[in-house]
Amino acid sequence: MTSHLHRSFLILTAALATGCGTNSVPAGGGQSNASSVSPNVMPARLKKPALITLDLKGGELEYWPVHTGGSSTMPIPFTASLGIYSGYNMAADGDVVAISNNRPPEVFTYNVRKKTSATLADPYGTPIDIAIAKSHTIYALNITNVTVYRPGSAPSELTCQYINDAVAIAVNNEGDVFINGYGPASFMGVAEFRRGKQTCRKLNLQPEQGYAGGVGIDPKTDNLIVVDNPDLCAGGYEGRMLIYPKPYGSKYTERNLNATYCAGTFRLDATSSIIFVSDATVSAGFPLIDQRGYPSAQDEGVYSGGYGSHASFGGFTTIPNTLPN
């Protein structure tokens, strides 16, 4: 598999399987058309803590109650259809869920408490991942660039010469932005935009192995988390997690997330004690979300329900949550 084929695999994985902020809608510039979703058609009440996802067939948000052992039952719908059928990944800011949507290219937000939604058009590409800073700035990752939605400002663009085949995005407590992916000269790794900078730099981390899985930040410690798949998603060592304390260099801790198939998108819970990891295979045709202890990587279960009419879901996040997310 070439890097481009693997990027497509990860996007499909996200489409299949894919910390506490304020309750304000994270918004910034662009067209934002707020609408209200009637609470009278709400199938179920959201109970927290919740692992939230998007049903790509019905277009509704649904969730699993978070607990040790995971779940083998279908997730519970808690909204009517939101009209979103091509979401890739999700993040959350307080009660607001943000979804990177493919058709049309946009960030779609939904407030689970107020039952209102809004859209932010993406003028620079098609978002495949999303991160939200403490400032409530939204970063939507496209394949070759980043769309930035700062509160009260028009969307802006970040480009990085080292990444032209992006996989995942994250932002730390200081507002530095990190992109994981592939680039020229067989580069596979993480590039960083320092806060307020328009240019990126490569981080001198441990070489990634196999296929890139994703990047994230532990908001509790500001540690950088990088996941890859050393055995090329063919079984064996899949879901290597490297945790880097600042200044994100030679010092790191390695853990094995023990993905069944291929580790991709991951999210932490509000306490930074649980990590949820997408774990899917195209050949098997179904998604899994692994629950592991963080930072121990101890197995705490799998969320594998949702086959049949709920066989595909787009991205996931948690409520409650902690910024950056």
C-alpha atoms as a PDB file:
ATOM      1  CA  MET A   1       0.000   0.000   0.000  1.00  0.00           C
ATOM      2  CA  THR A   2       1.346   3.424  -0.901  1.00  0.00           C
ATOM      3  CA  SER A   3       0.975   6.302   1.498  1.00  0.00           C
ATOM      4  CA  HIS A   4      -1.891   7.679  -0.608  1.00  0.00           C
ATOM      5  CA  LEU A   5      -3.713   4.369  -0.512  1.00  0.00           C
ATOM      6  CA  HIS A   6      -3.140   4.206   3.209  1.00  0.00           C
ATOM      7  CA  ARG A   7      -4.463   7.728   3.658  1.00  0.00           C
ATOM      8  CA  SER A   8      -7.613   6.608   1.853  1.00  0.00           C
ATOM      9  CA  PHE A   9      -7.742   3.598   4.171  1.00  0.00           C
ATOM     10  CA  LEU A  10      -7.509   5.785   7.245  1.00  0.00           C
ATOM     11  CA  ILE A  11     -10.195   8.101   5.919  1.00  0.00           C
ATOM     12  CA  LEU A  12     -12.437   5.106   5.312  1.00  0.00           C
ATOM     13  CA  THR A  13     -11.589   3.862   8.793  1.00  0.00           C
ATOM     14  CA  ALA A  14     -12.581   7.239  10.188  1.00  0.00           C
ATOM     15  CA  ALA A  15     -15.796   7.171   8.194  1.00  0.00           C
ATOM     16  CA  LEU A  16     -16.544   3.697   9.473  1.00  0.00           C
ATOM     17  CA  ALA A  17     -15.339   4.116  13.026  1.00  0.00           C
ATOM     18  CA  THR A  18     -15.391   6.995  11.965  1.00  0.00           C
ATOM     19  CA  GLY A  19     -11.592  16.822  28.032  1.00  0.00           C
ATOM     20  CA  CYS A  20     -14.362  20.354  30.304  1.00  0.00           C
ATOM     21  CA  GLY A  21     -14.729  23.355  28.028  1.00  0.00           C
ATOM     22  CA  THR A  22     -17.323  26.071  28.203  1.00  0.00           C
ATOM     23  CA  ASN A  23     -20.814  25.604  26.886  1.00  0.00           C
ATOM     24  CA  SER A  24     -20.396  28.254  24.196  1.00  0.00           C
ATOM     25  CA  VAL A  25     -20.482  27.208  20.534  1.00  0.00           C
ATOM     26  CA  PRO A  26     -16.916  27.200  19.207  1.00  0.00           C
ATOM     27  CA  ALA A  27     -17.306  29.426  16.159  1.00  0.00           C
ATOM     28  CA  GLY A  28     -15.154  31.609  14.006  1.00  0.00           C
ATOM     29  CA  GLY A  29     -15.999  33.440  10.825  1.00  0.00           C
ATOM     30  CA  GLY A  30     -17.356  31.902   7.650  1.00  0.00           C
ATOM     31  CA  GLN A  31     -21.019  31.270   7.054  1.00  0.00           C
ATOM     32  CA  SER A  32     -22.701  30.170  10.239  1.00  0.00           C
ATOM     33  CA  ASN A  33     -26.368  29.335   9.866  1.00  0.00           C
ATOM     34  CA  ALA A  34     -27.731  28.424  13.280  1.00  0.00           C
ATOM     35  CA  SER A  35     -30.830  26.263  13.414  1.00  0.00           C
ATOM     36  CA  SER A  36     -32.812  24.580  16.140  1.00  0.00           C
ATOM     37  CA  VAL A  37     -33.556  20.875  16.391  1.00  0.00           C
ATOM     38  CA  SER A  38     -36.866  20.170  18.080  1.00  0.00           C
ATOM     39  CA  PRO A  39     -36.487  18.414  21.425  1.00  0.00           C
ATOM     40  CA  ASN A  40     -39.848  16.737  20.762  1.00  0.00           C
ATOM     41  CA  VAL A  41     -38.251  14.358  18.261  1.00  0.00           C
ATOM     42  CA  MET A  42     -35.321  13.448  20.457  1.00  0.00           C
ATOM     43  CA  PRO A  43     -35.315   9.627  20.761  1.00  0.00           C
ATOM     44  CA  ALA A  44     -33.366   9.391  24.031  1.00  0.00           C
ATOM     45  CA  ARG A  45     -31.758  11.506  26.704  1.00  0.00           C
ATOM     46  CA  LEU A  46     -27.971  11.787  26.605  1.00  0.00           C
ATOM     47  CA  LYS A  47     -26.465  10.328  29.758  1.00  0.00           C
ATOM     48  CA  LYS A  48     -22.902  11.244  30.679  1.00  0.00           C
ATOM     49  CA  PRO A  49     -20.125  10.230  30.475  1.00  0.00           C
ATOM     50  CA  ALA A  50     -20.823   9.418  26.852  1.00  0.00           C
ATOM     51  CA  LEU A  51     -18.842   8.224  23.854  1.00  0.00           C
ATOM     52  CA  ILE A  52     -20.591  10.072  21.023  1.00  0.00           C
ATOM     53  CA  THR A  53     -20.603   9.215  17.343  1.00  0.00           C
ATOM     54  CA  LEU A  54     -22.533  10.019  14.157  1.00  0.00           C
ATOM     55  CA  ASP A  55     -24.713   7.473  12.365  1.00  0.00           C
ATOM     56  CA  LEU A  56     -23.756   7.898   8.707  1.00  0.00           C
ATOM     57  CA  LYS A  57     -26.964   6.244   7.490  1.00  0.00           C
ATOM     58  CA  GLY A  58     -29.546   8.029   9.576  1.00  0.00           C
ATOM     59  CA  GLY A  59     -27.643  11.260  10.171  1.00  0.00           C
ATOM     60  CA  GLU A  60     -28.364  11.323  13.911  1.00  0.00           C
ATOM     61  CA  LEU A  61     -25.965  11.598  16.823  1.00  0.00           C
ATOM     62  CA  GLU A  62     -25.824   8.553  19.056  1.00  0.00           C
ATOM     63  CA  TYR A  63     -23.799   7.388  22.032  1.00  0.00           C
ATOM     64  CA  TRP A  64     -22.581   4.602  24.239  1.00  0.00           C
ATOM     65  CA  PRO A  65     -22.452   5.089  28.018  1.00  0.00           C
ATOM     66  CA  VAL A  66     -18.764   4.909  28.943  1.00  0.00           C
ATOM     67  CA  HIS A  67     -17.839   2.058  31.252  1.00  0.00           C
ATOM     68  CA  THR A  68     -15.200  -0.613  31.643  1.00  0.00           C
ATOM     69  CA  GLY A  69     -15.819  -3.460  29.242  1.00  0.00           C
ATOM     70  CA  GLY A  70     -17.135  -1.306  26.397  1.00  0.00           C
ATOM     71  CA  SER A  71     -20.308  -2.406  24.645  1.00  0.00           C
ATOM     72  CA  SER A  72     -21.463  -4.910  22.051  1.00  0.00           C
ATOM     73  CA  THR A  73     -24.892  -3.304  21.668  1.00  0.00           C
ATOM     74  CA  MET A  74     -25.983  -0.617  19.243  1.00  0.00           C
ATOM     75  CA  PRO A  75     -25.275   2.986  20.249  1.00  0.00           C
ATOM     76  CA  ILE A  76     -28.281   4.989  21.459  1.00  0.00           C
ATOM     77  CA  PRO A  77     -29.624   7.752  19.170  1.00  0.00           C
ATOM     78  CA  PHE A  78     -30.217  11.000  21.059  1.00  0.00           C
ATOM     79  CA  THR A  79     -31.086  13.395  18.204  1.00  0.00           C
ATOM     80  CA  ALA A  80     -33.261  13.331  15.143  1.00  0.00           C
ATOM     81  CA  SER A  81     -31.418  13.276  11.815  1.00  0.00           C
ATOM     82  CA  LEU A  82     -29.100  16.271  11.501  1.00  0.00           C
ATOM     83  CA  GLY A  83     -28.749  15.772   7.754  1.00  0.00           C
ATOM     84  CA  ILE A  84     -25.052  14.897   8.064  1.00  0.00           C
ATOM     85  CA  TYR A  85     -24.173  11.677   6.229  1.00  0.00           C
ATOM     86  CA  SER A  86     -20.462  12.082   5.431  1.00  0.00           C
ATOM     87  CA  GLY A  87     -18.810  13.095   8.688  1.00  0.00           C
ATOM     88  CA  TYR A  88     -15.210  11.975   9.169  1.00  0.00           C
ATOM     89  CA  ASN A  89     -14.092  12.963  12.661  1.00  0.00           C
ATOM     90  CA  MET A  90     -15.334  14.800  15.732  1.00  0.00           C
ATOM     91  CA  ALA A  91     -14.177  16.925  18.653  1.00  0.00           C
ATOM     92  CA  ALA A  92     -16.098  18.591  21.478  1.00  0.00           C
ATOM     93  CA  ASP A  93     -16.090  21.898  23.346  1.00  0.00           C
ATOM     94  CA  GLY A  94     -18.248  21.651  26.450  1.00  0.00           C
ATOM     95  CA  ASP A  95     -21.741  20.716  25.208  1.00  0.00           C
ATOM     96  CA  VAL A  96     -20.868  21.397  21.573  1.00  0.00           C
ATOM     97  CA  VAL A  97     -19.943  18.576  19.209  1.00  0.00           C
ATOM     98  CA  ALA A  98     -17.987  19.630  16.103  1.00  0.00           C
ATOM     99  CA  ILE A  99     -17.968  17.364  13.037  1.00  0.00           C
ATOM    100  CA  SER A 100     -15.647  17.555  10.021  1.00  0.00           C
ATOM    101  CA  ASN A 101     -18.067  17.004   7.141  1.00  0.00           C
ATOM    102  CA  ASN A 102     -17.288  16.010   3.571  1.00  0.00           C
ATOM    103  CA  ARG A 103     -20.413  16.930   1.592  1.00  0.00           C
ATOM    104  CA  PRO A 104     -20.590  19.875   1.666  1.00  0.00           C
ATOM    105  CA  PRO A 105     -17.070  20.673   2.935  1.00  0.00           C
ATOM    106  CA  GLU A 106     -17.746  22.241   6.313  1.00  0.00           C
ATOM    107  CA  VAL A 107     -17.531  22.024  10.073  1.00  0.00           C
ATOM    108  CA  PHE A 108     -20.945  21.218  11.520  1.00  0.00           C
ATOM    109  CA  THR A 109     -21.590  21.946  15.202  1.00  0.00           C
ATOM    110  CA  TYR A 110     -24.381  20.740  17.440  1.00  0.00           C
ATOM    111  CA  ASN A 111     -25.069  21.835  21.022  1.00  0.00           C
ATOM    112  CA  VAL A 112     -26.402  18.792  22.866  1.00  0.00           C
ATOM    113  CA  ARG A 113     -27.874  20.931  25.659  1.00  0.00           C
ATOM    114  CA  LYS A 114     -29.476  23.724  23.625  1.00  0.00           C
ATOM    115  CA  LYS A 115     -30.274  21.416  20.672  1.00  0.00           C
ATOM    116  CA  THR A 116     -29.043  23.971  18.149  1.00  0.00           C
ATOM    117  CA  SER A 117     -26.716  23.545  15.185  1.00  0.00           C
ATOM    118  CA  ALA A 118     -24.500  25.735  13.022  1.00  0.00           C
ATOM    119  CA  THR A 119     -22.275  25.299   9.973  1.00  0.00           C
ATOM    120  CA  LEU A 120     -18.889  26.757   9.072  1.00  0.00           C
ATOM    121  CA  ALA A 121     -18.047  26.394   5.375  1.00  0.00           C
ATOM    122  CA  ASP A 122     -14.520  25.211   4.547  1.00  0.00           C
ATOM    123  CA  PRO A 123     -13.228  27.358   1.653  1.00  0.00           C
ATOM    124  CA  TYR A 124      -9.820  25.652   1.517  1.00  0.00           C
ATOM    125  CA  GLY A 125     -10.579  21.940   1.168  1.00  0.00           C
ATOM    126  CA  THR A 126     -12.486  18.972   2.548  1.00  0.00           C
ATOM    127  CA  PRO A 127     -11.994  18.435   6.293  1.00  0.00           C
ATOM    128  CA  ILE A 128     -10.946  14.966   7.446  1.00  0.00           C
ATOM    129  CA  ASP A 129     -10.048  15.711  11.078  1.00  0.00           C
ATOM    130  CA  ILE A 130     -10.687  18.440  13.612  1.00  0.00           C
ATOM    131  CA  ALA A 131      -9.177  19.921  16.785  1.00  0.00           C
ATOM    132  CA  ILE A 132     -10.353  22.670  19.146  1.00  0.00           C
ATOM    133  CA  ALA A 133      -7.996  24.918  21.131  1.00  0.00           C
ATOM    134  CA  LYS A 134      -8.523  26.394  24.585  1.00  0.00           C
ATOM    135  CA  SER A 135      -9.289  29.681  22.828  1.00  0.00           C
ATOM    136  CA  HIS A 136     -12.222  27.884  21.096  1.00  0.00           C
ATOM    137  CA  THR A 137     -10.423  28.225  17.764  1.00  0.00           C
ATOM    138  CA  ILE A 138     -11.337  25.320  15.487  1.00  0.00           C
ATOM    139  CA  TYR A 139      -8.695  23.708  13.272  1.00  0.00           C
ATOM    140  CA  ALA A 140     -10.092  21.658  10.386  1.00  0.00           C
ATOM    141  CA  LEU A 141      -7.510  19.415   8.733  1.00  0.00           C
ATOM    142  CA  ASN A 142      -7.727  18.995   4.971  1.00  0.00           C
ATOM    143  CA  ILE A 143      -5.494  16.587   3.060  1.00  0.00           C
ATOM    144  CA  THR A 144      -2.888  19.234   2.218  1.00  0.00           C
ATOM    145  CA  ASN A 145      -3.690  22.192   4.500  1.00  0.00           C
ATOM    146  CA  VAL A 146      -5.547  23.437   7.579  1.00  0.00           C
ATOM    147  CA  THR A 147      -8.576  25.729   7.770  1.00  0.00           C
ATOM    148  CA  VAL A 148      -8.537  27.916  10.889  1.00  0.00           C
ATOM    149  CA  TYR A 149     -11.759  29.304  12.418  1.00  0.00           C
ATOM    150  CA  ARG A 150     -10.893  31.885  15.057  1.00  0.00           C
ATOM    151  CA  PRO A 151     -13.849  33.247  17.033  1.00  0.00           C
ATOM    152  CA  GLY A 152     -15.118  36.405  15.351  1.00  0.00           C
ATOM    153  CA  SER A 153     -12.806  36.126  12.324  1.00  0.00           C
ATOM    154  CA  ALA A 154     -13.067  34.901   8.751  1.00  0.00           C
ATOM    155  CA  PRO A 155     -11.521  31.474   8.037  1.00  0.00           C
ATOM    156  CA  SER A 156      -7.794  31.467   7.293  1.00  0.00           C
ATOM    157  CA  GLU A 157      -5.401  28.842   5.934  1.00  0.00           C
ATOM    158  CA  LEU A 158      -2.216  27.144   7.131  1.00  0.00           C
ATOM    159  CA  THR A 159      -0.008  25.204   4.726  1.00  0.00           C
ATOM    160  CA  CYS A 160       3.036  23.073   5.516  1.00  0.00           C
ATOM    161  CA  GLN A 161       5.665  22.092   2.945  1.00  0.00           C
ATOM    162  CA  TYR A 162       6.468  18.927   4.893  1.00  0.00           C
ATOM    163  CA  ILE A 163       2.944  17.441   4.830  1.00  0.00           C
ATOM    164  CA  ASN A 164       0.986  16.866   1.623  1.00  0.00           C
ATOM    165  CA  ASP A 165      -0.906  13.745   2.704  1.00  0.00           C
ATOM    166  CA  ALA A 166      -2.319  14.514   6.139  1.00  0.00           C
ATOM    167  CA  VAL A 167      -3.828  12.026   8.597  1.00  0.00           C
ATOM    168  CA  ALA A 168      -4.582  13.823  11.882  1.00  0.00           C
ATOM    169  CA  ILE A 169      -4.360  17.162  13.697  1.00  0.00           C
ATOM    170  CA  ALA A 170      -3.997  18.312  17.314  1.00  0.00           C
ATOM    171  CA  VAL A 171      -3.416  21.527  19.258  1.00  0.00           C
ATOM    172  CA  ASN A 172      -1.720  21.931  22.646  1.00  0.00           C
ATOM    173  CA  ASN A 173      -2.370  24.127  25.672  1.00  0.00           C
ATOM    174  CA  GLU A 174      -0.273  26.958  24.223  1.00  0.00           C
ATOM    175  CA  GLY A 175      -2.071  26.942  20.860  1.00  0.00           C
ATOM    176  CA  ASP A 176       0.674  25.183  18.886  1.00  0.00           C
ATOM    177  CA  VAL A 177      -0.766  23.071  16.046  1.00  0.00           C
ATOM    178  CA  PHE A 178       0.495  19.590  15.115  1.00  0.00           C
ATOM    179  CA  ILE A 179      -0.118  17.680  11.870  1.00  0.00           C
ATOM    180  CA  ASN A 180       0.617  13.986  11.454  1.00  0.00           C
ATOM    181  CA  GLY A 181       1.001  12.573   7.963  1.00  0.00           C
ATOM    182  CA  TYR A 182       3.188  12.004   4.961  1.00  0.00           C
ATOM    183  CA  GLY A 183       5.232  14.359   2.819  1.00  0.00           C
ATOM    184  CA  PRO A 184       7.980  14.755   0.218  1.00  0.00           C
ATOM    185  CA  ALA A 185      11.122  12.607   0.324  1.00  0.00           C
ATOM    186  CA  SER A 186       9.252   9.751   2.054  1.00  0.00           C
ATOM    187  CA  PHE A 187       8.626  11.830   5.165  1.00  0.00           C
ATOM    188  CA  MET A 188       6.244  10.328   7.721  1.00  0.00           C
ATOM    189  CA  GLY A 189       5.898  12.123  11.001  1.00  0.00           C
ATOM    190  CA  VAL A 190       4.677  15.242  12.788  1.00  0.00           C
ATOM    191  CA  ALA A 191       5.052  18.888  11.787  1.00  0.00           C
ATOM    192  CA  GLU A 192       4.328  21.799  14.114  1.00  0.00           C
ATOM    193  CA  PHE A 193       3.036  25.340  13.701  1.00  0.00           C
ATOM    194  CA  ARG A 194       4.089  27.377  16.713  1.00  0.00           C
ATOM    195  CA  ARG A 195       1.327  29.617  17.997  1.00  0.00           C
ATOM    196  CA  GLY A 196       0.774  32.563  15.669  1.00  0.00           C
ATOM    197  CA  LYS A 197       3.259  31.290  13.068  1.00  0.00           C
ATOM    198  CA  GLN A 198       2.400  30.677   9.413  1.00  0.00           C
ATOM    199  CA  THR A 199       5.344  28.362   8.781  1.00  0.00           C
ATOM    200  CA  CYS A 200       5.810  24.814  10.069  1.00  0.00           C
ATOM    201  CA  ARG A 201       8.773  22.780  11.247  1.00  0.00           C
ATOM    202  CA  LYS A 202       9.425  19.065  11.481  1.00  0.00           C
ATOM    203  CA  LEU A 203       9.552  17.641  14.968  1.00  0.00           C
ATOM    204  CA  ASN A 204      12.585  15.483  15.696  1.00  0.00           C
ATOM    205  CA  LEU A 205      10.679  12.536  17.152  1.00  0.00           C
ATOM    206  CA  GLN A 206      11.231   8.796  17.023  1.00  0.00           C
ATOM    207  CA  PRO A 207      10.781   7.607  13.406  1.00  0.00           C
ATOM    208  CA  GLU A 208       7.232   6.439  12.825  1.00  0.00           C
ATOM    209  CA  GLN A 209       6.888   2.828  11.755  1.00  0.00           C
ATOM    210  CA  GLY A 210       4.539   1.203   9.259  1.00  0.00           C
ATOM    211  CA  TYR A 211       1.554   3.504   8.861  1.00  0.00           C
ATOM    212  CA  ALA A 212       0.699   6.695  10.697  1.00  0.00           C
ATOM    213  CA  GLY A 213      -2.238   6.425  13.068  1.00  0.00           C
ATOM    214  CA  GLY A 214      -2.708   9.884  14.503  1.00  0.00           C
ATOM    215  CA  VAL A 215      -1.587  12.648  16.836  1.00  0.00           C
ATOM    216  CA  GLY A 216      -3.109  14.154  19.973  1.00  0.00           C
ATOM    217  CA  ILE A 217      -2.454  16.173  23.125  1.00  0.00           C
ATOM    218  CA  ASP A 218      -3.097  15.253  26.739  1.00  0.00           C
ATOM    219  CA  PRO A 219      -4.586  18.535  28.035  1.00  0.00           C
ATOM    220  CA  LYS A 220      -3.762  17.550  31.611  1.00  0.00           C
ATOM    221  CA  THR A 221       0.017  17.360  31.036  1.00  0.00           C
ATOM    222  CA  ASP A 222       0.458  18.957  27.584  1.00  0.00           C
ATOM    223  CA  ASN A 223       2.172  15.735  26.477  1.00  0.00           C
ATOM    224  CA  LEU A 224       2.194  14.944  22.754  1.00  0.00           C
ATOM    225  CA  ILE A 225       0.740  11.539  21.783  1.00  0.00           C
ATOM    226  CA  VAL A 226       1.681   9.863  18.482  1.00  0.00           C
ATOM    227  CA  VAL A 227       0.202   6.546  17.321  1.00  0.00           C
ATOM    228  CA  ASP A 228       1.408   4.384  14.446  1.00  0.00           C
ATOM    229  CA  ASN A 229       1.033   0.813  13.143  1.00  0.00           C
ATOM    230  CA  PRO A 230       4.480  -0.824  12.871  1.00  0.00           C
ATOM    231  CA  ASP A 231       3.219  -4.046  11.273  1.00  0.00           C
ATOM    232  CA  LEU A 232       1.385  -2.271   8.438  1.00  0.00           C
ATOM    233  CA  CYS A 233      -2.128  -3.092   9.664  1.00  0.00           C
ATOM    234  CA  ALA A 234      -1.545  -6.747   8.905  1.00  0.00           C
ATOM    235  CA  GLY A 235      -1.653  -8.071  12.462  1.00  0.00           C
ATOM    236  CA  GLY A 236       1.036  -8.057  15.114  1.00  0.00           C
ATOM    237  CA  TYR A 237       2.180  -4.793  16.656  1.00  0.00           C
ATOM    238  CA  GLU A 238      -0.605  -2.365  15.707  1.00  0.00           C
ATOM    239  CA  GLY A 239      -1.244   0.710  17.806  1.00  0.00           C
ATOM    240  CA  ARG A 240       2.174   1.760  19.057  1.00  0.00           C
ATOM    241  CA  MET A 241       1.666   4.818  21.280  1.00  0.00           C
ATOM    242  CA  LEU A 242       4.569   7.172  21.945  1.00  0.00           C
ATOM    243  CA  ILE A 243       4.043   9.856  24.603  1.00  0.00           C
ATOM    244  CA  TYR A 244       6.389  12.853  24.510  1.00  0.00           C
ATOM    245  CA  PRO A 245       6.728  15.403  27.327  1.00  0.00           C
ATOM    246  CA  LYS A 246       7.667  18.931  26.330  1.00  0.00           C
ATOM    247  CA  PRO A 247       9.770  19.996  24.479  1.00  0.00           C
ATOM    248  CA  TYR A 248       8.679  17.012  22.334  1.00  0.00           C
ATOM    249  CA  GLY A 249      12.018  15.511  21.402  1.00  0.00           C
ATOM    250  CA  SER A 250      14.155  12.527  22.335  1.00  0.00           C
ATOM    251  CA  LYS A 251      12.416  11.655  25.610  1.00  0.00           C
ATOM    252  CA  TYR A 252       9.315   9.472  25.321  1.00  0.00           C
ATOM    253  CA  THR A 253       7.312   6.621  26.815  1.00  0.00           C
ATOM    254  CA  GLU A 254       6.165   3.738  24.616  1.00  0.00           C
ATOM    255  CA  ARG A 255       2.965   1.757  25.117  1.00  0.00           C
ATOM    256  CA  ASN A 256       1.168  -0.871  23.033  1.00  0.00           C
ATOM    257  CA  LEU A 257      -2.527  -0.134  22.433  1.00  0.00           C
ATOM    258  CA  ASN A 258      -2.949  -3.665  21.023  1.00  0.00           C
ATOM    259  CA  ALA A 259      -5.233  -2.733  18.156  1.00  0.00           C
ATOM    260  CA  THR A 260      -6.985  -5.723  16.670  1.00  0.00           C
ATOM    261  CA  TYR A 261      -6.665  -4.467  13.105  1.00  0.00           C
ATOM    262  CA  CYS A 262      -5.382  -0.908  12.589  1.00  0.00           C
ATOM    263  CA  ALA A 263      -5.220   2.014  15.027  1.00  0.00           C
ATOM    264  CA  GLY A 264      -6.393   5.381  13.721  1.00  0.00           C
ATOM    265  CA  THR A 265      -8.253   8.315  15.226  1.00  0.00           C
ATOM    266  CA  PHE A 266      -8.060   8.562  19.012  1.00  0.00           C
ATOM    267  CA  ARG A 267      -9.606  10.766  21.689  1.00  0.00           C
ATOM    268  CA  LEU A 268      -9.060  11.131  25.449  1.00  0.00           C
ATOM    269  CA  ASP A 269     -11.840  11.383  28.007  1.00  0.00           C
ATOM    270  CA  ALA A 270     -12.238  14.465  30.215  1.00  0.00           C
ATOM    271  CA  THR A 271      -9.965  13.067  32.935  1.00  0.00           C
ATOM    272  CA  SER A 272      -7.168  11.922  30.597  1.00  0.00           C
ATOM    273  CA  SER A 273      -7.464   8.467  32.157  1.00  0.00           C
ATOM    274  CA  ILE A 274      -9.082   6.744  29.138  1.00  0.00           C
ATOM    275  CA  ILE A 275      -8.054   6.743  25.490  1.00  0.00           C
ATOM    276  CA  PHE A 276     -10.542   5.691  22.797  1.00  0.00           C
ATOM    277  CA  VAL A 277      -8.957   4.410  19.573  1.00  0.00           C
ATOM    278  CA  SER A 278     -10.588   3.625  16.229  1.00  0.00           C
ATOM    279  CA  ASP A 279      -9.701   0.089  15.234  1.00  0.00           C
ATOM    280  CA  ALA A 280     -11.089  -1.131  11.926  1.00  0.00           C
ATOM    281  CA  THR A 281     -10.353  -3.103   8.826  1.00  0.00           C
ATOM    282  CA  VAL A 282     -11.735  -2.609   5.345  1.00  0.00           C
ATOM    283  CA  SER A 283     -11.802  -6.365   4.703  1.00  0.00           C
ATOM    284  CA  ALA A 284     -13.854  -7.049   7.828  1.00  0.00           C
ATOM    285  CA  GLY A 285     -16.219  -4.239   6.902  1.00  0.00           C
ATOM    286  CA  PHE A 286     -17.046  -3.106  10.421  1.00  0.00           C
ATOM    287  CA  PRO A 287     -15.682  -0.647  12.971  1.00  0.00           C
ATOM    288  CA  LEU A 288     -14.443  -1.024  16.492  1.00  0.00           C
ATOM    289  CA  ILE A 289     -13.532   1.564  19.108  1.00  0.00           C
ATOM    290  CA  ASP A 290     -11.033   0.285  21.646  1.00  0.00           C
ATOM    291  CA  GLN A 291     -11.074   1.610  25.202  1.00  0.00           C
ATOM    292  CA  ARG A 292      -7.681   1.622  26.897  1.00  0.00           C
ATOM    293  CA  GLY A 293      -6.370   3.081  30.111  1.00  0.00           C
ATOM    294  CA  TYR A 294      -4.227   6.161  29.630  1.00  0.00           C
ATOM    295  CA  PRO A 295      -1.277   6.336  29.810  1.00  0.00           C
ATOM    296  CA  SER A 296      -1.018   2.645  30.756  1.00  0.00           C
ATOM    297  CA  ALA A 297      -2.704   1.316  27.549  1.00  0.00           C
ATOM    298  CA  GLN A 298      -4.383  -1.357  29.708  1.00  0.00           C
ATOM    299  CA  ASP A 299      -7.247  -3.069  27.895  1.00  0.00           C
ATOM    300  CA  GLU A 300     -10.597  -1.819  29.215  1.00  0.00           C
ATOM    301  CA  GLY A 301     -12.932  -3.076  26.487  1.00  0.00           C
ATOM    302  CA  VAL A 302     -14.254  -2.515  22.981  1.00  0.00           C
ATOM    303  CA  TYR A 303     -17.313  -0.746  21.565  1.00  0.00           C
ATOM    304  CA  SER A 304     -18.334  -3.008  18.707  1.00  0.00           C
ATOM    305  CA  GLY A 305     -22.099  -2.638  18.467  1.00  0.00           C
ATOM    306  CA  GLY A 306     -23.954  -0.969  15.657  1.00  0.00           C
ATOM    307  CA  TYR A 307     -23.956  -3.613  12.956  1.00  0.00           C
ATOM    308  CA  GLY A 308     -26.860  -3.878  10.525  1.00  0.00           C
ATOM    309  CA  SER A 309     -28.676  -0.558  10.119  1.00  0.00           C
ATOM    310  CA  HIS A 310     -26.020   1.193  12.232  1.00  0.00           C
ATOM    311  CA  ALA A 311     -23.002  -0.462  10.595  1.00  0.00           C
ATOM    312  CA  SER A 312     -21.148   2.731   9.787  1.00  0.00           C
ATOM    313  CA  PHE A 313     -20.439   5.707  11.966  1.00  0.00           C
ATOM    314  CA  GLY A 314     -18.337   8.820  11.481  1.00  0.00           C
ATOM    315  CA  GLY A 315     -15.811   9.882  14.081  1.00  0.00           C
ATOM    316  CA  PHE A 316     -16.264   9.994  17.844  1.00  0.00           C
ATOM    317  CA  THR A 317     -15.720  12.232  20.837  1.00  0.00           C
ATOM    318  CA  THR A 318     -16.674  12.377  24.498  1.00  0.00           C
ATOM    319  CA  ILE A 319     -18.889  14.491  26.723  1.00  0.00           C
ATOM    320  CA  PRO A 320     -17.723  15.664  29.203  1.00  0.00           C
ATOM    321  CA  ASN A 321     -14.434  16.709  27.633  1.00  0.00           C
ATOM    322  CA  THR A 322     -11.456  18.946  28.223  1.00  0.00           C
ATOM    323  CA  LEU A 323      -9.880  21.547  25.921  1.00  0.00           C
ATOM    324  CA  PRO A 324      -7.753  21.292  23.889  1.00  0.00           C
ATOM    325  CA  ASN A 325      -9.701  18.478  22.292  1.00  0.00           C
END
